C-alpha atoms as a PDB file:
ATOM      1  CA  MET A   1      -3.460 -73.609  25.667  1.00  0.00           C
ATOM      2  CA  SER A   2      -0.143 -74.640  27.630  1.00  0.00           C
ATOM      3  CA  GLY A   3       3.066 -76.338  26.785  1.00  0.00           C
ATOM      4  CA  ALA A   4       3.795 -77.708  23.306  1.00  0.00           C
ATOM      5  CA  LYS A   5       0.455 -76.663  21.953  1.00  0.00           C
ATOM      6  CA  LYS A   6       0.941 -72.949  23.445  1.00  0.00           C
ATOM      7  CA  ILE A   7      -0.854 -70.587  20.864  1.00  0.00           C
ATOM      8  CA  HIS A   8       0.416 -67.017  20.381  1.00  0.00           C
ATOM      9  CA  ASN A   9      -2.660 -64.896  19.539  1.00  0.00           C
ATOM     10  CA  GLN A  10      -2.662 -61.486  19.272  1.00  0.00           C
ATOM     11  CA  THR A  11      -6.492 -60.834  20.640  1.00  0.00           C
ATOM     12  CA  GLU A  12      -8.529 -59.117  17.930  1.00  0.00           C
ATOM     13  CA  VAL A  13     -12.471 -58.370  18.123  1.00  0.00           C
ATOM     14  CA  GLY A  14     -14.815 -58.821  15.151  1.00  0.00           C
ATOM     15  CA  VAL A  15     -15.603 -62.003  13.650  1.00  0.00           C
ATOM     16  CA  VAL A  16     -14.516 -62.906  10.216  1.00  0.00           C
ATOM     17  CA  ALA A  17     -15.146 -65.488   7.136  1.00  0.00           C
ATOM     18  CA  PRO A  18     -13.057 -69.091   7.296  1.00  0.00           C
ATOM     19  CA  PRO A  19      -9.635 -68.741   5.810  1.00  0.00           C
ATOM     20  CA  GLN A  20      -9.512 -70.308   2.270  1.00  0.00           C
ATOM     21  CA  THR A  21      -5.986 -69.613   1.543  1.00  0.00           C
ATOM     22  CA  VAL A  22      -3.640 -71.065   4.788  1.00  0.00           C
ATOM     23  CA  ALA A  23       0.370 -70.968   4.387  1.00  0.00           C
ATOM     24  CA  ILE A  24       2.390 -72.720   7.003  1.00  0.00           C
ATOM     25  CA  ILE A  25       5.705 -72.128   8.104  1.00  0.00           C
ATOM     26  CA  MET A  26       7.051 -75.843   8.635  1.00  0.00           C
ATOM     27  CA  ASP A  27       9.894 -75.329  11.330  1.00  0.00           C
ATOM     28  CA  GLY A  28      11.131 -77.677  14.327  1.00  0.00           C
ATOM     29  CA  ASN A  29      12.053 -80.774  12.420  1.00  0.00           C
ATOM     30  CA  GLY A  30      15.809 -80.314  13.585  1.00  0.00           C
ATOM     31  CA  ARG A  31      14.508 -79.410  16.846  1.00  0.00           C
ATOM     32  CA  TRP A  32      12.353 -82.467  17.141  1.00  0.00           C
ATOM     33  CA  ALA A  33      14.931 -84.661  16.003  1.00  0.00           C
ATOM     34  CA  ALA A  34      17.777 -83.448  18.285  1.00  0.00           C
ATOM     35  CA  GLY A  35      15.435 -83.442  21.313  1.00  0.00           C
ATOM     36  CA  ARG A  36      15.218 -87.186  20.427  1.00  0.00           C
ATOM     37  CA  ASN A  37      18.899 -87.756  19.715  1.00  0.00           C
ATOM     38  CA  LEU A  38      17.856 -88.641  16.194  1.00  0.00           C
ATOM     39  CA  PRO A  39      19.784 -87.520  12.816  1.00  0.00           C
ATOM     40  CA  VAL A  40      18.002 -84.553  11.477  1.00  0.00           C
ATOM     41  CA  GLY A  41      17.186 -86.348   8.770  1.00  0.00           C
ATOM     42  CA  ASP A  42      14.676 -88.005  10.778  1.00  0.00           C
ATOM     43  CA  GLY A  43      12.849 -84.737  12.548  1.00  0.00           C
ATOM     44  CA  HIS A  44      12.394 -84.132   8.355  1.00  0.00           C
ATOM     45  CA  ARG A  45      11.377 -87.322   7.500  1.00  0.00           C
ATOM     46  CA  GLU A  46       8.610 -87.165  10.480  1.00  0.00           C
ATOM     47  CA  GLY A  47       7.552 -83.588   9.059  1.00  0.00           C
ATOM     48  CA  THR A  48       6.879 -85.367   5.724  1.00  0.00           C
ATOM     49  CA  ARG A  49       3.446 -87.060   7.914  1.00  0.00           C
ATOM     50  CA  ALA A  50       2.712 -84.176   9.663  1.00  0.00           C
ATOM     51  CA  LEU A  51       2.407 -82.630   6.222  1.00  0.00           C
ATOM     52  CA  ARG A  52      -0.174 -85.360   5.139  1.00  0.00           C
ATOM     53  CA  ARG A  53      -2.153 -84.987   8.344  1.00  0.00           C
ATOM     54  CA  THR A  54      -2.250 -81.554   8.056  1.00  0.00           C
ATOM     55  CA  VAL A  55      -3.427 -81.384   4.363  1.00  0.00           C
ATOM     56  CA  GLU A  56      -5.915 -84.632   5.246  1.00  0.00           C
ATOM     57  CA  ALA A  57      -7.137 -81.860   7.869  1.00  0.00           C
ATOM     58  CA  ALA A  58      -7.243 -79.084   6.139  1.00  0.00           C
ATOM     59  CA  ILE A  59      -9.390 -80.668   3.858  1.00  0.00           C
ATOM     60  CA  ASP A  60     -11.676 -81.702   6.503  1.00  0.00           C
ATOM     61  CA  GLN A  61     -11.509 -78.158   7.529  1.00  0.00           C
ATOM     62  CA  GLY A  62     -12.729 -76.862   4.045  1.00  0.00           C
ATOM     63  CA  ILE A  63      -9.566 -75.289   3.346  1.00  0.00           C
ATOM     64  CA  ALA A  64      -9.455 -74.756  -0.330  1.00  0.00           C
ATOM     65  CA  VAL A  65      -5.925 -73.445  -0.882  1.00  0.00           C
ATOM     66  CA  LEU A  66      -2.788 -75.001   1.532  1.00  0.00           C
ATOM     67  CA  VAL A  67       1.102 -73.280   0.845  1.00  0.00           C
ATOM     68  CA  VAL A  68       3.290 -75.068   2.739  1.00  0.00           C
ATOM     69  CA  TYR A  69       7.425 -73.669   3.036  1.00  0.00           C
ATOM     70  CA  ALA A  70       9.446 -76.706   2.307  1.00  0.00           C
ATOM     71  CA  PHE A  71      13.042 -75.333   1.005  1.00  0.00           C
ATOM     72  CA  SER A  72      13.988 -71.582   1.441  1.00  0.00           C
ATOM     73  CA  THR A  73      16.584 -70.152  -0.969  1.00  0.00           C
ATOM     74  CA  GLU A  74      18.977 -69.554   1.633  1.00  0.00           C
ATOM     75  CA  ASN A  75      18.699 -73.628   2.842  1.00  0.00           C
ATOM     76  CA  TRP A  76      21.573 -74.080   0.661  1.00  0.00           C
ATOM     77  CA  GLU A  77      23.782 -72.968   3.408  1.00  0.00           C
ATOM     78  CA  ARG A  78      22.568 -75.760   5.706  1.00  0.00           C
ATOM     79  CA  PRO A  79      25.742 -78.398   5.635  1.00  0.00           C
ATOM     80  CA  PRO A  80      26.080 -80.431   2.082  1.00  0.00           C
ATOM     81  CA  ALA A  81      24.412 -84.329   3.907  1.00  0.00           C
ATOM     82  CA  GLU A  82      21.478 -82.284   5.455  1.00  0.00           C
ATOM     83  CA  VAL A  83      20.673 -80.717   1.875  1.00  0.00           C
ATOM     84  CA  ALA A  84      21.461 -84.102   0.113  1.00  0.00           C
ATOM     85  CA  THR A  85      18.709 -85.414   2.922  1.00  0.00           C
ATOM     86  CA  LEU A  86      16.002 -82.808   1.853  1.00  0.00           C
ATOM     87  CA  MET A  87      16.510 -83.698  -1.703  1.00  0.00           C
ATOM     88  CA  GLU A  88      15.875 -87.239  -0.980  1.00  0.00           C
ATOM     89  CA  ILE A  89      12.896 -86.581   1.429  1.00  0.00           C
ATOM     90  CA  LEU A  90      11.060 -84.494  -1.756  1.00  0.00           C
ATOM     91  CA  GLY A  91      11.911 -87.360  -3.989  1.00  0.00           C
ATOM     92  CA  GLU A  92      10.094 -89.968  -1.299  1.00  0.00           C
ATOM     93  CA  THR A  93       7.154 -87.189  -0.576  1.00  0.00           C
ATOM     94  CA  ILE A  94       6.630 -87.184  -4.856  1.00  0.00           C
ATOM     95  CA  ASP A  95       7.005 -90.971  -4.682  1.00  0.00           C
ATOM     96  CA  ARG A  96       5.236 -92.167  -1.895  1.00  0.00           C
ATOM     97  CA  GLU A  97       3.127 -89.111   0.320  1.00  0.00           C
ATOM     98  CA  LEU A  98       1.507 -86.879  -2.808  1.00  0.00           C
ATOM     99  CA  PRO A  99       0.152 -89.965  -4.974  1.00  0.00           C
ATOM    100  CA  ASP A 100      -2.141 -91.261  -2.139  1.00  0.00           C
ATOM    101  CA  LEU A 101      -3.096 -87.797  -1.174  1.00  0.00           C
ATOM    102  CA  ALA A 102      -4.359 -87.443  -5.245  1.00  0.00           C
ATOM    103  CA  LEU A 103      -6.841 -90.432  -4.247  1.00  0.00           C
ATOM    104  CA  GLN A 104      -8.094 -87.523  -2.087  1.00  0.00           C
ATOM    105  CA  GLY A 105      -8.634 -84.941  -4.719  1.00  0.00           C
ATOM    106  CA  VAL A 106      -5.484 -83.079  -3.386  1.00  0.00           C
ATOM    107  CA  ARG A 107      -4.052 -81.510  -6.510  1.00  0.00           C
ATOM    108  CA  THR A 108      -0.012 -80.029  -6.216  1.00  0.00           C
ATOM    109  CA  ARG A 109       1.752 -77.409  -7.107  1.00  0.00           C
ATOM    110  CA  PHE A 110       5.358 -76.098  -6.773  1.00  0.00           C
ATOM    111  CA  LEU A 111       6.740 -72.913  -6.662  1.00  0.00           C
ATOM    112  CA  GLY A 112       9.917 -71.405  -6.529  1.00  0.00           C
ATOM    113  CA  ARG A 113      12.943 -71.892  -8.480  1.00  0.00           C
ATOM    114  CA  ARG A 114      13.584 -75.309 -10.427  1.00  0.00           C
ATOM    115  CA  ASP A 115      17.053 -74.724 -12.162  1.00  0.00           C
ATOM    116  CA  ARG A 116      19.296 -75.806  -8.745  1.00  0.00           C
ATOM    117  CA  VAL A 117      17.202 -78.919  -8.040  1.00  0.00           C
ATOM    118  CA  PRO A 118      18.435 -82.336  -9.727  1.00  0.00           C
ATOM    119  CA  SER A 119      16.736 -82.726 -12.846  1.00  0.00           C
ATOM    120  CA  HIS A 120      15.214 -86.080 -12.248  1.00  0.00           C
ATOM    121  CA  LEU A 121      13.464 -84.008  -9.094  1.00  0.00           C
ATOM    122  CA  SER A 122      12.301 -81.288 -11.582  1.00  0.00           C
ATOM    123  CA  GLU A 123      10.768 -83.632 -14.017  1.00  0.00           C
ATOM    124  CA  ALA A 124       9.154 -85.763 -11.393  1.00  0.00           C
ATOM    125  CA  MET A 125       7.698 -82.313  -9.687  1.00  0.00           C
ATOM    126  CA  GLY A 126       6.595 -81.240 -13.472  1.00  0.00           C
ATOM    127  CA  GLU A 127       4.655 -84.638 -13.371  1.00  0.00           C
ATOM    128  CA  LEU A 128       2.934 -84.927 -10.227  1.00  0.00           C
ATOM    129  CA  GLU A 129       1.825 -81.036 -11.432  1.00  0.00           C
ATOM    130  CA  ARG A 130       0.387 -82.313 -14.726  1.00  0.00           C
ATOM    131  CA  SER A 131      -1.107 -85.668 -13.329  1.00  0.00           C
ATOM    132  CA  THR A 132      -3.134 -83.823 -10.410  1.00  0.00           C
ATOM    133  CA  ALA A 133      -4.287 -80.802 -12.117  1.00  0.00           C
ATOM    134  CA  HIS A 134      -7.553 -81.932 -12.587  1.00  0.00           C
ATOM    135  CA  LEU A 135      -8.199 -82.257  -8.970  1.00  0.00           C
ATOM    136  CA  GLU A 136     -10.301 -80.046  -7.124  1.00  0.00           C
ATOM    137  CA  THR A 137     -10.948 -81.145  -3.223  1.00  0.00           C
ATOM    138  CA  LEU A 138      -7.416 -78.876  -1.970  1.00  0.00           C
ATOM    139  CA  CYS A 139      -4.508 -77.588  -3.808  1.00  0.00           C
ATOM    140  CA  LEU A 140      -1.982 -77.755  -2.332  1.00  0.00           C
ATOM    141  CA  TRP A 141       1.626 -76.065  -2.850  1.00  0.00           C
ATOM    142  CA  ILE A 142       4.937 -76.873  -2.137  1.00  0.00           C
ATOM    143  CA  ALA A 143       7.172 -73.550  -1.793  1.00  0.00           C
ATOM    144  CA  PHE A 144      10.746 -75.570  -2.638  1.00  0.00           C
ATOM    145  CA  ASP A 145      13.703 -73.295  -3.452  1.00  0.00           C
ATOM    146  CA  HIS A 146      11.528 -70.290  -2.464  1.00  0.00           C
ATOM    147  CA  GLY A 147      12.468 -66.920  -1.217  1.00  0.00           C
ATOM    148  CA  GLY A 148      10.017 -63.953  -1.084  1.00  0.00           C
ATOM    149  CA  ARG A 149      12.519 -61.247  -2.172  1.00  0.00           C
ATOM    150  CA  ASP A 150      14.054 -63.898  -4.804  1.00  0.00           C
ATOM    151  CA  GLU A 151      10.591 -63.587  -6.226  1.00  0.00           C
ATOM    152  CA  ILE A 152       9.895 -59.918  -6.339  1.00  0.00           C
ATOM    153  CA  VAL A 153      13.304 -59.855  -7.760  1.00  0.00           C
ATOM    154  CA  ASP A 154      12.524 -62.069 -10.743  1.00  0.00           C
ATOM    155  CA  ALA A 155       9.107 -59.753 -11.247  1.00  0.00           C
ATOM    156  CA  ALA A 156      11.016 -57.117 -11.196  1.00  0.00           C
ATOM    157  CA  ARG A 157      13.330 -58.677 -14.077  1.00  0.00           C
ATOM    158  CA  ARG A 158      10.147 -59.728 -16.161  1.00  0.00           C
ATOM    159  CA  LEU A 159       8.941 -56.118 -16.000  1.00  0.00           C
ATOM    160  CA  ILE A 160      11.738 -55.147 -17.817  1.00  0.00           C
ATOM    161  CA  GLU A 161      12.274 -58.290 -20.226  1.00  0.00           C
ATOM    162  CA  ASP A 162       8.578 -57.479 -21.254  1.00  0.00           C
ATOM    163  CA  GLY A 163       8.993 -53.750 -21.594  1.00  0.00           C
ATOM    164  CA  LEU A 164       6.689 -52.100 -19.726  1.00  0.00           C
ATOM    165  CA  ALA A 165       7.546 -48.176 -19.274  1.00  0.00           C
ATOM    166  CA  SER A 166       7.224 -46.893 -15.580  1.00  0.00           C
ATOM    167  CA  GLU A 167       3.797 -46.015 -15.532  1.00  0.00           C
ATOM    168  CA  GLU A 168       2.982 -49.047 -16.854  1.00  0.00           C
ATOM    169  CA  VAL A 169       3.981 -50.538 -13.545  1.00  0.00           C
ATOM    170  CA  ASP A 170       1.811 -50.828 -10.635  1.00  0.00           C
ATOM    171  CA  GLU A 171       0.908 -53.880  -8.163  1.00  0.00           C
ATOM    172  CA  ALA A 172      -1.423 -55.451 -10.918  1.00  0.00           C
ATOM    173  CA  ALA A 173       1.932 -55.819 -13.501  1.00  0.00           C
ATOM    174  CA  ILE A 174       3.909 -57.211 -10.649  1.00  0.00           C
ATOM    175  CA  ALA A 175       1.643 -59.930  -9.198  1.00  0.00           C
ATOM    176  CA  ALA A 176       1.258 -61.107 -12.577  1.00  0.00           C
ATOM    177  CA  ARG A 177       4.675 -61.565 -12.662  1.00  0.00           C
ATOM    178  CA  LEU A 178       5.444 -63.505  -9.048  1.00  0.00           C
ATOM    179  CA  ASN A 179       6.266 -67.132  -9.445  1.00  0.00           C
ATOM    180  CA  ALA A 180       2.366 -68.249  -9.299  1.00  0.00           C
ATOM    181  CA  PRO A 181       0.154 -64.896  -9.969  1.00  0.00           C
ATOM    182  CA  GLU A 182      -2.731 -67.739  -9.881  1.00  0.00           C
ATOM    183  CA  LEU A 183      -2.405 -68.126  -6.070  1.00  0.00           C
ATOM    184  CA  PRO A 184      -4.433 -66.679  -4.074  1.00  0.00           C
ATOM    185  CA  GLU A 185      -3.342 -63.538  -1.611  1.00  0.00           C
ATOM    186  CA  ILE A 186      -2.547 -65.647   1.959  1.00  0.00           C
ATOM    187  CA  ASP A 187      -5.162 -65.397   4.512  1.00  0.00           C
ATOM    188  CA  LEU A 188      -3.868 -66.966   7.603  1.00  0.00           C
ATOM    189  CA  LEU A 189       0.100 -67.910   8.173  1.00  0.00           C
ATOM    190  CA  ILE A 190       1.240 -70.567  10.230  1.00  0.00           C
ATOM    191  CA  ARG A 191       4.271 -70.588  11.700  1.00  0.00           C
ATOM    192  CA  THR A 192       5.071 -73.854  14.099  1.00  0.00           C
ATOM    193  CA  SER A 193       8.160 -74.527  16.774  1.00  0.00           C
ATOM    194  CA  GLY A 194       7.961 -70.697  18.766  1.00  0.00           C
ATOM    195  CA  GLU A 195       9.398 -68.664  16.158  1.00  0.00           C
ATOM    196  CA  PHE A 196       8.302 -64.953  15.634  1.00  0.00           C
ATOM    197  CA  ARG A 197       9.571 -64.169  11.882  1.00  0.00           C
ATOM    198  CA  ILE A 198       8.558 -65.033   8.326  1.00  0.00           C
ATOM    199  CA  SER A 199      11.853 -66.156   7.385  1.00  0.00           C
ATOM    200  CA  ASN A 200      11.389 -64.485   3.746  1.00  0.00           C
ATOM    201  CA  PHE A 201       8.793 -66.331   2.885  1.00  0.00           C
ATOM    202  CA  MET A 202       6.096 -65.029   0.634  1.00  0.00           C
ATOM    203  CA  ILE A 203       6.605 -61.350   1.558  1.00  0.00           C
ATOM    204  CA  TRP A 204       3.949 -60.195  -1.603  1.00  0.00           C
ATOM    205  CA  GLU A 205       1.231 -62.304  -0.807  1.00  0.00           C
ATOM    206  CA  THR A 206       1.499 -62.296   3.078  1.00  0.00           C
ATOM    207  CA  ALA A 207       0.611 -58.668   2.999  1.00  0.00           C
ATOM    208  CA  TYR A 208      -2.332 -58.751   4.849  1.00  0.00           C
ATOM    209  CA  ALA A 209      -2.118 -61.967   6.245  1.00  0.00           C
ATOM    210  CA  GLU A 210      -3.315 -62.391  10.180  1.00  0.00           C
ATOM    211  CA  PHE A 211      -0.005 -64.227  11.974  1.00  0.00           C
ATOM    212  CA  VAL A 212      -1.004 -67.426  14.381  1.00  0.00           C
ATOM    213  CA  PHE A 213       2.368 -68.824  16.121  1.00  0.00           C
ATOM    214  CA  THR A 214       2.460 -72.017  17.797  1.00  0.00           C
ATOM    215  CA  ASP A 215       5.009 -73.328  19.952  1.00  0.00           C
ATOM    216  CA  THR A 216       4.705 -76.994  18.535  1.00  0.00           C
ATOM    217  CA  LEU A 217       7.831 -78.417  16.486  1.00  0.00           C
ATOM    218  CA  TRP A 218       6.450 -79.186  13.038  1.00  0.00           C
ATOM    219  CA  PRO A 219       6.281 -83.080  13.270  1.00  0.00           C
ATOM    220  CA  ASP A 220       4.159 -82.569  15.797  1.00  0.00           C
ATOM    221  CA  PHE A 221       1.648 -80.619  14.334  1.00  0.00           C
ATOM    222  CA  ASP A 222      -1.794 -82.530  14.022  1.00  0.00           C
ATOM    223  CA  SER A 223      -5.403 -81.289  13.220  1.00  0.00           C
ATOM    224  CA  GLU A 224      -6.253 -79.642  16.824  1.00  0.00           C
ATOM    225  CA  ASP A 225      -3.438 -77.122  15.434  1.00  0.00           C
ATOM    226  CA  LEU A 226      -4.732 -76.388  12.776  1.00  0.00           C
ATOM    227  CA  ARG A 227      -8.395 -76.170  14.615  1.00  0.00           C
ATOM    228  CA  SER A 228      -6.716 -74.043  17.204  1.00  0.00           C
ATOM    229  CA  ALA A 229      -4.861 -71.576  14.780  1.00  0.00           C
ATOM    230  CA  LEU A 230      -8.360 -70.906  12.731  1.00  0.00           C
ATOM    231  CA  GLN A 231      -9.886 -70.177  15.878  1.00  0.00           C
ATOM    232  CA  ALA A 232      -7.285 -67.605  16.470  1.00  0.00           C
ATOM    233  CA  PHE A 233      -8.163 -66.578  12.988  1.00  0.00           C
ATOM    234  CA  ALA A 234     -12.166 -66.263  13.356  1.00  0.00           C
ATOM    235  CA  ALA A 235     -11.445 -63.904  16.175  1.00  0.00           C
ATOM    236  CA  ARG A 236      -9.553 -61.601  14.539  1.00  0.00           C
ATOM    237  CA  ASP A 237     -11.080 -58.119  12.788  1.00  0.00           C
ATOM    238  CA  ARG A 238      -9.549 -58.063   9.523  1.00  0.00           C
ATOM    239  CA  ARG A 239      -9.405 -54.317   7.972  1.00  0.00           C
ATOM    240  CA  PHE A 240      -6.858 -53.961   5.257  1.00  0.00           C
ATOM    241  CA  GLY A 241      -5.925 -50.756   6.473  1.00  0.00           C
ATOM    242  CA  GLY A 242      -9.372 -49.362   7.437  1.00  0.00           C
ATOM    243  CA  ARG A 243     -11.115 -48.808  10.240  1.00  0.00           C
END
């Protein structure tokens, strides 16, 4: 692909099963807005529209679990006005976009800290989780106030609080104490906007994920971009450390 749709694909040989758990680092809202001389908040709001159509495209592609990176533990360092706008947009998304997706069978869950978001948002997040818990078409995980290092540190604290002896600490013990222990490991991680890093996102869960990087800014991401990423994944040879 070329231009805005360029995919940076590490070409591999072999064919694998379609990914069941896909994660997306939704990046590029600010640059999308700047390129149109719009406030950054307009870029974030356009990003919510991209989220909705991407979830619908994921349903069409048979993806079972979709994880999106909405707000990192480091995003609190952004200008206060932008942070306030992001909180407002989260509320709008919970009120307007996610209930419509629920009508299509989408279960919404959140992972990350909840002690720093406004209480009304924390309550809305919990209510949406409860009201969609029975839905099975696709599980949408929204990582909000999430950081991979923070998650692992928190898991280590739980190991200590639970009184585990050193010989009892293994991968299973740590995995059981992550923010969302029932979340499957990530098969495919997509990052938009042409950046080549994971930005402290799900460090544990992406240990053997395949990465696809696209130049498309998140507000422009569409079903074609998702399909291209899935095609890139299908061309990989997943050996998980073997030969």
